[in-house]
Amino acid sequence: MNNKAKKYKNEQIKVAHKYFVEMIFQAAKIEDKGITFAETYNIVNNYEQSKNKIDFDKTQIIVGLKRAYQYIINRANDDQDVYLYDIKQINKLLDGYEEDEAGKWRTNQAYIKGSFHKPKVLEIKDSESFVLKRMNSVNSFDDGVKMLSDLCKQQLFPNGNKRTALCFANLCLMKKIFQLFKLPIMLNISIS
């Protein structure tokens, strides 16, 4: 990596740190649980004090996103490529370690709330090929958006697919072109 690319990468990591709570808040809104910025801020910064005052589901979503974004920022800062392990680890962080299915490929029919789309059930090797093909094709921001949309539509995991897709796409973008999603673009993705 040349000096200019390294400098730009470091700037993007600083941006990610600066807007950490806002990124988590915007990603949490995907779940449509009425999460406010104040709740997000309190959970991210004062978990012990706020955990009994805020709805459990909201708290779990925000804590999972905090873990996932910390992982993304740490991985963006190392010199290793993105691997299949990363998407599975992100799903595990988002869904919680206590969930039996967290980080495991979906092997049954899925239904997407608010949609008539029924993603195809894939064999494990096909799920891995699906991710690898999209992951390796990310060379621009538009490629990242396409990957994000494809991952959301396929529903690779039993739970947390939109959040996993968003976080994994952000990791791929940070590692390959040193850019993060501006999250409002995410809320307009159509699953049809």
N, C-alpha and C. Protein backbone atom coordinates (compact mmCIF):
# COMPACT_ATOMS: atom_id res chain seq x y z
N MET A 1 0.85 -1.17 0.00
CA MET A 1 0.00 0.00 0.00
C MET A 1 0.89 1.23 0.00
N ASN A 2 0.61 2.16 -0.92
CA ASN A 2 1.44 3.37 -0.98
C ASN A 2 1.06 4.33 0.15
N ASN A 3 1.87 5.36 0.34
CA ASN A 3 1.67 6.31 1.44
C ASN A 3 0.34 7.05 1.34
N LYS A 4 -0.05 7.41 0.12
CA LYS A 4 -1.31 8.13 -0.07
C LYS A 4 -2.49 7.25 0.34
N ALA A 5 -2.47 5.99 -0.08
CA ALA A 5 -3.55 5.06 0.28
C ALA A 5 -3.57 4.81 1.78
N LYS A 6 -2.39 4.67 2.38
CA LYS A 6 -2.31 4.43 3.82
C LYS A 6 -2.86 5.63 4.60
N LYS A 7 -2.54 6.84 4.13
CA LYS A 7 -3.03 8.06 4.78
C LYS A 7 -4.56 8.12 4.69
N TYR A 8 -5.11 7.82 3.50
CA TYR A 8 -6.56 7.85 3.30
C TYR A 8 -7.24 6.80 4.18
N LYS A 9 -6.66 5.62 4.25
CA LYS A 9 -7.20 4.56 5.09
C LYS A 9 -7.25 5.01 6.55
N ASN A 10 -6.17 5.61 7.03
CA ASN A 10 -6.13 6.10 8.41
C ASN A 10 -7.17 7.19 8.66
N GLU A 11 -7.38 8.05 7.66
CA GLU A 11 -8.41 9.09 7.79
C GLU A 11 -9.80 8.46 7.92
N GLN A 12 -10.08 7.43 7.12
CA GLN A 12 -11.38 6.77 7.17
C GLN A 12 -11.59 6.05 8.50
N ILE A 13 -10.53 5.49 9.06
CA ILE A 13 -10.64 4.85 10.37
C ILE A 13 -10.94 5.89 11.43
N LYS A 14 -10.33 7.08 11.33
CA LYS A 14 -10.64 8.17 12.27
C LYS A 14 -12.10 8.59 12.14
N VAL A 15 -12.60 8.66 10.91
CA VAL A 15 -14.01 9.00 10.68
C VAL A 15 -14.90 7.95 11.34
N ALA A 16 -14.56 6.69 11.18
CA ALA A 16 -15.34 5.61 11.80
C ALA A 16 -15.37 5.75 13.32
N HIS A 17 -14.24 6.10 13.92
CA HIS A 17 -14.21 6.32 15.37
C HIS A 17 -15.07 7.52 15.75
N LYS A 18 -14.95 8.58 14.98
CA LYS A 18 -15.67 9.83 15.29
C LYS A 18 -17.18 9.64 15.23
N TYR A 19 -17.64 8.89 14.25
CA TYR A 19 -19.08 8.70 14.05
C TYR A 19 -19.57 7.33 14.52
N PHE A 20 -18.84 6.75 15.44
CA PHE A 20 -19.12 5.40 15.92
C PHE A 20 -20.57 5.24 16.38
N VAL A 21 -21.03 6.09 17.29
CA VAL A 21 -22.39 5.98 17.82
C VAL A 21 -23.41 6.24 16.73
N GLU A 22 -23.15 7.21 15.87
CA GLU A 22 -24.09 7.51 14.78
C GLU A 22 -24.21 6.33 13.81
N MET A 23 -23.09 5.67 13.49
CA MET A 23 -23.14 4.51 12.60
C MET A 23 -23.98 3.39 13.23
N ILE A 24 -23.80 3.18 14.52
CA ILE A 24 -24.56 2.14 15.21
C ILE A 24 -26.04 2.51 15.22
N PHE A 25 -26.36 3.77 15.50
CA PHE A 25 -27.75 4.23 15.51
C PHE A 25 -28.41 4.02 14.15
N GLN A 26 -27.72 4.44 13.08
CA GLN A 26 -28.29 4.29 11.74
C GLN A 26 -28.51 2.82 11.38
N ALA A 27 -27.56 1.97 11.74
CA ALA A 27 -27.70 0.54 11.46
C ALA A 27 -28.82 -0.07 12.30
N ALA A 28 -28.98 0.39 13.52
CA ALA A 28 -30.03 -0.14 14.40
C ALA A 28 -31.42 0.22 13.87
N LYS A 29 -31.54 1.34 13.19
CA LYS A 29 -32.83 1.76 12.64
C LYS A 29 -33.36 0.78 11.60
N ILE A 30 -32.47 0.00 10.99
CA ILE A 30 -32.89 -1.01 10.02
C ILE A 30 -33.89 -1.97 10.66
N GLU A 31 -33.72 -2.24 11.95
CA GLU A 31 -34.59 -3.19 12.64
C GLU A 31 -35.95 -2.60 13.00
N ASP A 32 -36.12 -1.31 12.87
CA ASP A 32 -37.40 -0.64 13.08
C ASP A 32 -38.00 -0.95 14.46
N LYS A 33 -37.21 -0.82 15.49
CA LYS A 33 -37.68 -1.06 16.85
C LYS A 33 -37.89 0.25 17.61
N GLY A 34 -37.88 1.38 16.90
CA GLY A 34 -38.08 2.66 17.55
C GLY A 34 -36.90 3.09 18.40
N ILE A 35 -35.72 2.69 18.02
CA ILE A 35 -34.51 3.03 18.77
C ILE A 35 -34.18 4.50 18.55
N THR A 36 -33.92 5.22 19.64
CA THR A 36 -33.56 6.64 19.52
C THR A 36 -32.04 6.80 19.60
N PHE A 37 -31.58 7.97 19.16
CA PHE A 37 -30.15 8.25 19.24
C PHE A 37 -29.70 8.28 20.71
N ALA A 38 -30.54 8.88 21.58
CA ALA A 38 -30.18 8.96 23.00
C ALA A 38 -30.03 7.56 23.61
N GLU A 39 -30.94 6.64 23.28
CA GLU A 39 -30.82 5.27 23.77
C GLU A 39 -29.54 4.62 23.26
N THR A 40 -29.27 4.82 21.97
CA THR A 40 -28.06 4.26 21.38
C THR A 40 -26.82 4.78 22.09
N TYR A 41 -26.75 6.10 22.27
CA TYR A 41 -25.61 6.73 22.94
C TYR A 41 -25.43 6.16 24.35
N ASN A 42 -26.53 6.06 25.10
CA ASN A 42 -26.45 5.57 26.48
C ASN A 42 -25.99 4.13 26.54
N ILE A 43 -26.50 3.30 25.65
CA ILE A 43 -26.10 1.88 25.66
C ILE A 43 -24.63 1.73 25.25
N VAL A 44 -24.21 2.45 24.22
CA VAL A 44 -22.82 2.36 23.75
C VAL A 44 -21.85 2.85 24.81
N ASN A 45 -22.20 3.94 25.48
CA ASN A 45 -21.26 4.56 26.42
C ASN A 45 -21.47 4.22 27.89
N ASN A 46 -22.66 3.82 28.26
CA ASN A 46 -22.97 3.53 29.67
C ASN A 46 -23.82 2.28 29.79
N TYR A 47 -23.36 1.19 29.24
CA TYR A 47 -24.16 -0.03 29.18
C TYR A 47 -24.69 -0.45 30.55
N GLU A 48 -23.85 -0.52 31.54
CA GLU A 48 -24.26 -1.00 32.86
C GLU A 48 -25.37 -0.13 33.45
N GLN A 49 -25.29 1.18 33.25
CA GLN A 49 -26.31 2.07 33.81
C GLN A 49 -27.61 2.04 33.02
N SER A 50 -27.54 1.74 31.72
CA SER A 50 -28.74 1.83 30.89
C SER A 50 -29.40 0.50 30.60
N LYS A 51 -28.74 -0.62 30.91
CA LYS A 51 -29.26 -1.93 30.48
C LYS A 51 -30.62 -2.27 31.08
N ASN A 52 -30.93 -1.82 32.27
CA ASN A 52 -32.23 -2.11 32.88
C ASN A 52 -33.28 -1.05 32.58
N LYS A 53 -32.87 0.05 31.96
CA LYS A 53 -33.80 1.14 31.67
C LYS A 53 -34.31 1.12 30.24
N ILE A 54 -33.65 0.37 29.38
CA ILE A 54 -34.00 0.34 27.96
C ILE A 54 -34.41 -1.08 27.58
N ASP A 55 -35.40 -1.19 26.72
CA ASP A 55 -35.92 -2.46 26.25
C ASP A 55 -34.79 -3.45 25.91
N PHE A 56 -34.95 -4.70 26.32
CA PHE A 56 -33.93 -5.72 26.14
C PHE A 56 -33.57 -5.92 24.66
N ASP A 57 -34.58 -6.01 23.78
CA ASP A 57 -34.31 -6.22 22.35
C ASP A 57 -33.49 -5.07 21.76
N LYS A 58 -33.84 -3.85 22.13
CA LYS A 58 -33.08 -2.69 21.64
C LYS A 58 -31.64 -2.77 22.13
N THR A 59 -31.49 -3.10 23.40
CA THR A 59 -30.15 -3.19 23.99
C THR A 59 -29.31 -4.24 23.27
N GLN A 60 -29.90 -5.41 23.00
CA GLN A 60 -29.17 -6.48 22.31
C GLN A 60 -28.73 -6.06 20.91
N ILE A 61 -29.61 -5.38 20.19
CA ILE A 61 -29.28 -4.91 18.83
C ILE A 61 -28.11 -3.93 18.89
N ILE A 62 -28.18 -2.98 19.79
CA ILE A 62 -27.14 -1.95 19.87
C ILE A 62 -25.82 -2.54 20.36
N VAL A 63 -25.85 -3.39 21.36
CA VAL A 63 -24.62 -4.02 21.86
C VAL A 63 -23.98 -4.87 20.76
N GLY A 64 -24.80 -5.61 20.02
CA GLY A 64 -24.27 -6.41 18.91
C GLY A 64 -23.64 -5.54 17.84
N LEU A 65 -24.28 -4.44 17.49
CA LEU A 65 -23.71 -3.52 16.50
C LEU A 65 -22.42 -2.87 17.00
N LYS A 66 -22.39 -2.55 18.28
CA LYS A 66 -21.16 -1.99 18.85
C LYS A 66 -20.01 -2.98 18.71
N ARG A 67 -20.26 -4.24 19.06
CA ARG A 67 -19.22 -5.27 18.92
C ARG A 67 -18.78 -5.43 17.46
N ALA A 68 -19.76 -5.45 16.56
CA ALA A 68 -19.46 -5.64 15.13
C ALA A 68 -18.65 -4.46 14.59
N TYR A 69 -19.03 -3.23 14.92
CA TYR A 69 -18.28 -2.08 14.42
C TYR A 69 -16.88 -1.99 15.03
N GLN A 70 -16.73 -2.41 16.29
CA GLN A 70 -15.39 -2.47 16.86
C GLN A 70 -14.54 -3.48 16.09
N TYR A 71 -15.13 -4.59 15.75
CA TYR A 71 -14.45 -5.63 14.96
C TYR A 71 -14.06 -5.06 13.59
N ILE A 72 -14.97 -4.39 12.93
CA ILE A 72 -14.71 -3.81 11.60
C ILE A 72 -13.55 -2.82 11.66
N ILE A 73 -13.58 -1.94 12.64
CA ILE A 73 -12.52 -0.93 12.76
C ILE A 73 -11.18 -1.60 13.03
N ASN A 74 -11.16 -2.59 13.90
CA ASN A 74 -9.91 -3.31 14.18
C ASN A 74 -9.40 -4.05 12.94
N ARG A 75 -10.32 -4.72 12.23
CA ARG A 75 -9.93 -5.46 11.01
C ARG A 75 -9.51 -4.50 9.90
N ALA A 76 -10.13 -3.35 9.81
CA ALA A 76 -9.76 -2.38 8.77
C ALA A 76 -8.34 -1.89 8.98
N ASN A 77 -7.89 -1.95 10.19
CA ASN A 77 -6.58 -1.43 10.54
C ASN A 77 -5.46 -2.46 10.39
N ASP A 78 -5.81 -3.74 10.14
CA ASP A 78 -4.74 -4.73 9.98
C ASP A 78 -4.44 -4.94 8.49
N ASP A 79 -3.46 -5.73 8.20
CA ASP A 79 -3.02 -5.93 6.82
C ASP A 79 -3.50 -7.24 6.22
N GLN A 80 -4.46 -7.89 6.84
CA GLN A 80 -4.97 -9.16 6.33
C GLN A 80 -6.15 -8.93 5.38
N ASP A 81 -6.34 -9.86 4.45
CA ASP A 81 -7.48 -9.81 3.54
C ASP A 81 -8.76 -10.13 4.30
N VAL A 82 -9.90 -9.92 3.64
CA VAL A 82 -11.20 -10.29 4.18
C VAL A 82 -11.43 -11.77 3.86
N TYR A 83 -11.95 -12.50 4.84
CA TYR A 83 -12.18 -13.93 4.69
C TYR A 83 -13.63 -14.28 4.99
N LEU A 84 -14.04 -15.48 4.62
CA LEU A 84 -15.38 -15.97 4.97
C LEU A 84 -15.59 -15.93 6.49
N TYR A 85 -14.53 -16.20 7.21
CA TYR A 85 -14.60 -16.16 8.67
C TYR A 85 -15.17 -14.83 9.14
N ASP A 86 -14.84 -13.74 8.45
CA ASP A 86 -15.27 -12.41 8.88
C ASP A 86 -16.79 -12.26 8.88
N ILE A 87 -17.46 -12.71 7.83
CA ILE A 87 -18.92 -12.55 7.78
C ILE A 87 -19.58 -13.41 8.85
N LYS A 88 -19.04 -14.59 9.10
CA LYS A 88 -19.60 -15.45 10.14
C LYS A 88 -19.35 -14.85 11.53
N GLN A 89 -18.18 -14.29 11.72
CA GLN A 89 -17.86 -13.66 13.00
C GLN A 89 -18.74 -12.43 13.25
N ILE A 90 -18.96 -11.64 12.21
CA ILE A 90 -19.83 -10.46 12.33
C ILE A 90 -21.24 -10.90 12.72
N ASN A 91 -21.76 -11.94 12.06
CA ASN A 91 -23.10 -12.42 12.41
C ASN A 91 -23.15 -12.91 13.85
N LYS A 92 -22.09 -13.56 14.29
CA LYS A 92 -22.01 -14.04 15.67
C LYS A 92 -22.02 -12.87 16.65
N LEU A 93 -21.25 -11.83 16.34
CA LEU A 93 -21.20 -10.65 17.21
C LEU A 93 -22.54 -9.94 17.26
N LEU A 94 -23.23 -9.88 16.13
CA LEU A 94 -24.51 -9.20 16.07
C LEU A 94 -25.61 -9.98 16.77
N ASP A 95 -25.59 -11.27 16.64
CA ASP A 95 -26.67 -12.10 17.14
C ASP A 95 -26.43 -12.57 18.57
N GLY A 96 -25.24 -12.42 19.04
CA GLY A 96 -24.92 -12.83 20.41
C GLY A 96 -24.32 -14.21 20.46
N TYR A 97 -23.33 -14.38 21.28
CA TYR A 97 -22.65 -15.66 21.38
C TYR A 97 -23.53 -16.76 21.95
N GLU A 98 -24.58 -16.38 22.68
CA GLU A 98 -25.41 -17.39 23.31
C GLU A 98 -26.37 -18.08 22.34
N GLU A 99 -26.57 -17.51 21.19
CA GLU A 99 -27.46 -18.10 20.19
C GLU A 99 -26.77 -19.28 19.51
N ASP A 100 -27.45 -20.43 19.48
CA ASP A 100 -26.89 -21.63 18.86
C ASP A 100 -26.62 -21.46 17.37
N GLU A 101 -27.45 -20.69 16.68
CA GLU A 101 -27.34 -20.56 15.24
C GLU A 101 -26.47 -19.38 14.80
N ALA A 102 -26.02 -18.56 15.73
CA ALA A 102 -25.22 -17.38 15.38
C ALA A 102 -23.95 -17.78 14.66
N GLY A 103 -23.72 -17.15 13.50
CA GLY A 103 -22.51 -17.41 12.73
C GLY A 103 -22.56 -18.67 11.89
N LYS A 104 -23.71 -19.32 11.83
CA LYS A 104 -23.86 -20.54 11.02
C LYS A 104 -24.75 -20.24 9.82
N TRP A 105 -24.44 -20.85 8.69
CA TRP A 105 -25.21 -20.64 7.47
C TRP A 105 -26.64 -21.16 7.65
N ARG A 106 -27.59 -20.45 7.07
CA ARG A 106 -28.99 -20.87 7.09
C ARG A 106 -29.16 -22.07 6.16
N THR A 107 -29.87 -23.08 6.63
CA THR A 107 -30.09 -24.28 5.82
C THR A 107 -31.58 -24.61 5.67
N ASN A 108 -32.45 -23.67 6.03
CA ASN A 108 -33.89 -23.87 5.88
C ASN A 108 -34.51 -22.66 5.17
N GLN A 109 -35.79 -22.74 4.85
CA GLN A 109 -36.47 -21.65 4.14
C GLN A 109 -36.53 -20.41 5.04
N ALA A 110 -36.33 -19.25 4.43
CA ALA A 110 -36.42 -17.98 5.15
C ALA A 110 -37.52 -17.14 4.54
N TYR A 111 -38.09 -16.30 5.37
CA TYR A 111 -39.09 -15.35 4.92
C TYR A 111 -38.65 -13.98 5.38
N ILE A 112 -38.77 -13.01 4.50
CA ILE A 112 -38.34 -11.66 4.81
C ILE A 112 -39.57 -10.83 5.14
N LYS A 113 -39.61 -10.33 6.36
CA LYS A 113 -40.75 -9.55 6.84
C LYS A 113 -41.04 -8.39 5.88
N GLY A 114 -42.31 -8.25 5.50
CA GLY A 114 -42.72 -7.16 4.63
C GLY A 114 -42.41 -7.38 3.17
N SER A 115 -42.10 -8.61 2.78
CA SER A 115 -41.72 -8.91 1.40
C SER A 115 -42.29 -10.26 0.97
N PHE A 116 -42.50 -10.41 -0.31
CA PHE A 116 -42.91 -11.71 -0.85
C PHE A 116 -41.70 -12.52 -1.33
N HIS A 117 -40.51 -11.94 -1.21
CA HIS A 117 -39.29 -12.60 -1.65
C HIS A 117 -38.96 -13.78 -0.74
N LYS A 118 -38.71 -14.93 -1.33
CA LYS A 118 -38.29 -16.11 -0.58
C LYS A 118 -36.92 -16.52 -1.11
N PRO A 119 -35.87 -16.23 -0.35
CA PRO A 119 -34.53 -16.59 -0.83
C PRO A 119 -34.36 -18.10 -0.95
N LYS A 120 -33.59 -18.48 -1.92
CA LYS A 120 -33.29 -19.89 -2.17
C LYS A 120 -32.49 -20.46 -1.00
N VAL A 121 -32.81 -21.67 -0.62
CA VAL A 121 -32.03 -22.38 0.40
C VAL A 121 -30.77 -22.91 -0.27
N LEU A 122 -29.62 -22.56 0.27
CA LEU A 122 -28.34 -22.96 -0.32
C LEU A 122 -27.66 -24.01 0.54
N GLU A 123 -26.90 -24.87 -0.11
CA GLU A 123 -26.00 -25.77 0.61
C GLU A 123 -24.88 -24.91 1.20
N ILE A 124 -24.21 -25.39 2.22
CA ILE A 124 -23.15 -24.62 2.87
C ILE A 124 -22.08 -24.20 1.87
N LYS A 125 -21.63 -25.10 1.01
CA LYS A 125 -20.60 -24.74 0.03
C LYS A 125 -21.11 -23.67 -0.94
N ASP A 126 -22.42 -23.69 -1.24
CA ASP A 126 -22.99 -22.68 -2.14
C ASP A 126 -23.10 -21.32 -1.44
N SER A 127 -23.39 -21.33 -0.15
CA SER A 127 -23.40 -20.08 0.63
C SER A 127 -22.01 -19.46 0.63
N GLU A 128 -21.01 -20.30 0.84
CA GLU A 128 -19.63 -19.81 0.85
C GLU A 128 -19.23 -19.27 -0.52
N SER A 129 -19.60 -19.97 -1.58
CA SER A 129 -19.29 -19.49 -2.95
C SER A 129 -20.00 -18.17 -3.23
N PHE A 130 -21.25 -18.08 -2.79
CA PHE A 130 -22.05 -16.86 -2.96
C PHE A 130 -21.34 -15.65 -2.36
N VAL A 131 -20.87 -15.81 -1.12
CA VAL A 131 -20.18 -14.71 -0.43
C VAL A 131 -18.84 -14.42 -1.09
N LEU A 132 -18.06 -15.45 -1.39
CA LEU A 132 -16.73 -15.25 -1.99
C LEU A 132 -16.82 -14.50 -3.32
N LYS A 133 -17.78 -14.89 -4.14
CA LYS A 133 -17.95 -14.25 -5.45
C LYS A 133 -18.23 -12.76 -5.29
N ARG A 134 -19.13 -12.42 -4.38
CA ARG A 134 -19.48 -11.01 -4.19
C ARG A 134 -18.36 -10.25 -3.49
N MET A 135 -17.77 -10.88 -2.51
CA MET A 135 -16.69 -10.25 -1.75
C MET A 135 -15.51 -9.91 -2.67
N ASN A 136 -15.16 -10.81 -3.56
CA ASN A 136 -14.03 -10.60 -4.45
C ASN A 136 -14.33 -9.63 -5.58
N SER A 137 -15.60 -9.30 -5.79
CA SER A 137 -15.95 -8.37 -6.86
C SER A 137 -16.03 -6.92 -6.39
N VAL A 138 -15.79 -6.67 -5.10
CA VAL A 138 -15.88 -5.31 -4.58
C VAL A 138 -14.61 -4.54 -4.91
N ASN A 139 -14.74 -3.64 -5.90
CA ASN A 139 -13.62 -2.78 -6.29
C ASN A 139 -14.03 -1.31 -6.33
N SER A 140 -15.29 -1.04 -6.01
CA SER A 140 -15.79 0.34 -5.99
C SER A 140 -16.93 0.42 -4.99
N PHE A 141 -17.34 1.63 -4.71
CA PHE A 141 -18.47 1.83 -3.80
C PHE A 141 -19.73 1.16 -4.35
N ASP A 142 -19.97 1.31 -5.66
CA ASP A 142 -21.14 0.69 -6.29
C ASP A 142 -21.11 -0.83 -6.16
N ASP A 143 -19.93 -1.42 -6.27
CA ASP A 143 -19.80 -2.87 -6.06
C ASP A 143 -20.18 -3.24 -4.63
N GLY A 144 -19.81 -2.39 -3.69
CA GLY A 144 -20.17 -2.62 -2.29
C GLY A 144 -21.67 -2.56 -2.08
N VAL A 145 -22.34 -1.62 -2.73
CA VAL A 145 -23.80 -1.52 -2.64
C VAL A 145 -24.45 -2.76 -3.23
N LYS A 146 -23.94 -3.22 -4.37
CA LYS A 146 -24.47 -4.42 -5.02
C LYS A 146 -24.29 -5.64 -4.11
N MET A 147 -23.11 -5.77 -3.52
CA MET A 147 -22.87 -6.89 -2.61
C MET A 147 -23.84 -6.82 -1.42
N LEU A 148 -24.00 -5.64 -0.86
CA LEU A 148 -24.90 -5.45 0.26
C LEU A 148 -26.32 -5.89 -0.08
N SER A 149 -26.80 -5.45 -1.22
CA SER A 149 -28.14 -5.81 -1.67
C SER A 149 -28.27 -7.32 -1.86
N ASP A 150 -27.29 -7.93 -2.51
CA ASP A 150 -27.31 -9.38 -2.74
C ASP A 150 -27.31 -10.16 -1.42
N LEU A 151 -26.49 -9.73 -0.46
CA LEU A 151 -26.43 -10.42 0.83
C LEU A 151 -27.74 -10.28 1.59
N CYS A 152 -28.34 -9.08 1.54
CA CYS A 152 -29.64 -8.88 2.20
C CYS A 152 -30.70 -9.79 1.60
N LYS A 153 -30.73 -9.87 0.29
CA LYS A 153 -31.74 -10.68 -0.39
C LYS A 153 -31.58 -12.18 -0.14
N GLN A 154 -30.35 -12.65 -0.05
CA GLN A 154 -30.12 -14.09 0.08
C GLN A 154 -30.38 -14.61 1.49
N GLN A 155 -30.30 -13.77 2.51
CA GLN A 155 -30.59 -14.21 3.88
C GLN A 155 -29.76 -15.44 4.24
N LEU A 156 -28.45 -15.26 4.31
CA LEU A 156 -27.52 -16.38 4.51
C LEU A 156 -27.55 -16.97 5.92
N PHE A 157 -28.02 -16.20 6.89
CA PHE A 157 -28.00 -16.64 8.28
C PHE A 157 -29.42 -16.72 8.84
N PRO A 158 -29.62 -17.46 9.92
CA PRO A 158 -30.96 -17.55 10.51
C PRO A 158 -31.47 -16.21 11.06
N ASN A 159 -30.56 -15.32 11.44
CA ASN A 159 -30.97 -14.05 12.05
C ASN A 159 -29.92 -12.98 11.78
N GLY A 160 -30.34 -11.71 11.79
CA GLY A 160 -29.41 -10.59 11.70
C GLY A 160 -28.83 -10.36 10.31
N ASN A 161 -29.54 -10.73 9.26
CA ASN A 161 -28.98 -10.68 7.91
C ASN A 161 -28.73 -9.26 7.38
N LYS A 162 -29.66 -8.35 7.61
CA LYS A 162 -29.45 -6.98 7.10
C LYS A 162 -28.28 -6.31 7.82
N ARG A 163 -28.24 -6.49 9.13
CA ARG A 163 -27.13 -5.92 9.90
C ARG A 163 -25.80 -6.57 9.52
N THR A 164 -25.82 -7.90 9.34
CA THR A 164 -24.61 -8.61 8.93
C THR A 164 -24.15 -8.13 7.56
N ALA A 165 -25.08 -8.02 6.62
CA ALA A 165 -24.74 -7.57 5.27
C ALA A 165 -24.14 -6.17 5.31
N LEU A 166 -24.75 -5.27 6.07
CA LEU A 166 -24.25 -3.90 6.18
C LEU A 166 -22.85 -3.88 6.78
N CYS A 167 -22.65 -4.59 7.87
CA CYS A 167 -21.34 -4.59 8.53
C CYS A 167 -20.27 -5.24 7.66
N PHE A 168 -20.61 -6.36 7.02
CA PHE A 168 -19.64 -7.04 6.17
C PHE A 168 -19.29 -6.19 4.95
N ALA A 169 -20.30 -5.54 4.36
CA ALA A 169 -20.03 -4.65 3.22
C ALA A 169 -19.13 -3.49 3.66
N ASN A 170 -19.37 -2.96 4.85
CA ASN A 170 -18.50 -1.90 5.36
C ASN A 170 -17.07 -2.40 5.55
N LEU A 171 -16.92 -3.62 6.05
CA LEU A 171 -15.58 -4.18 6.22
C LEU A 171 -14.89 -4.31 4.86
N CYS A 172 -15.59 -4.87 3.88
CA CYS A 172 -14.99 -5.02 2.54
C CYS A 172 -14.62 -3.67 1.94
N LEU A 173 -15.49 -2.68 2.10
CA LEU A 173 -15.19 -1.35 1.57
C LEU A 173 -14.00 -0.72 2.28
N MET A 174 -13.95 -0.87 3.60
CA MET A 174 -12.82 -0.30 4.36
C MET A 174 -11.51 -0.97 3.96
N LYS A 175 -11.54 -2.28 3.75
CA LYS A 175 -10.31 -3.00 3.41
C LYS A 175 -9.86 -2.75 1.98
N LYS A 176 -10.83 -2.58 1.06
CA LYS A 176 -10.48 -2.51 -0.35
C LYS A 176 -10.39 -1.09 -0.91
N ILE A 177 -11.35 -0.22 -0.54
CA ILE A 177 -11.31 1.14 -1.11
C ILE A 177 -11.33 2.21 -0.03
N PHE A 178 -11.23 1.80 1.22
CA PHE A 178 -11.11 2.73 2.35
C PHE A 178 -12.28 3.71 2.42
N GLN A 179 -13.48 3.19 2.33
CA GLN A 179 -14.67 4.03 2.39
C GLN A 179 -15.75 3.31 3.19
N LEU A 180 -16.58 4.06 3.88
CA LEU A 180 -17.71 3.50 4.62
C LEU A 180 -19.02 3.91 3.95
N PHE A 181 -20.05 3.11 4.16
CA PHE A 181 -21.37 3.48 3.66
C PHE A 181 -21.88 4.69 4.41
N LYS A 182 -22.54 5.56 3.69
CA LYS A 182 -23.34 6.60 4.31
C LYS A 182 -24.70 5.94 4.49
N LEU A 183 -25.08 5.66 5.71
CA LEU A 183 -26.17 4.71 5.96
C LEU A 183 -27.54 5.03 5.41
N PRO A 184 -27.95 6.26 5.22
CA PRO A 184 -29.29 6.44 4.65
C PRO A 184 -29.49 5.72 3.32
N ILE A 185 -28.42 5.52 2.53
CA ILE A 185 -28.55 4.78 1.28
C ILE A 185 -29.06 3.37 1.55
N MET A 186 -28.73 2.84 2.72
CA MET A 186 -29.10 1.48 3.07
C MET A 186 -30.61 1.33 3.25
N LEU A 187 -31.25 2.34 3.75
CA LEU A 187 -32.64 2.20 4.10
C LEU A 187 -33.54 2.15 2.88
N ASN A 188 -32.99 2.44 1.70
CA ASN A 188 -33.78 2.45 0.47
C ASN A 188 -33.58 1.20 -0.36
N ILE A 189 -32.83 0.23 0.12
CA ILE A 189 -32.60 -0.99 -0.66
C ILE A 189 -33.89 -1.81 -0.68
N SER A 190 -34.31 -2.18 -1.86
CA SER A 190 -35.53 -2.94 -2.03
C SER A 190 -35.21 -4.43 -2.12
N ILE A 191 -35.94 -5.21 -1.38
CA ILE A 191 -35.78 -6.66 -1.46
C ILE A 191 -37.00 -7.18 -2.22
N SER A 192 -36.79 -7.44 -3.50
CA SER A 192 -37.93 -7.90 -4.31
C SER A 192 -37.57 -9.11 -5.11
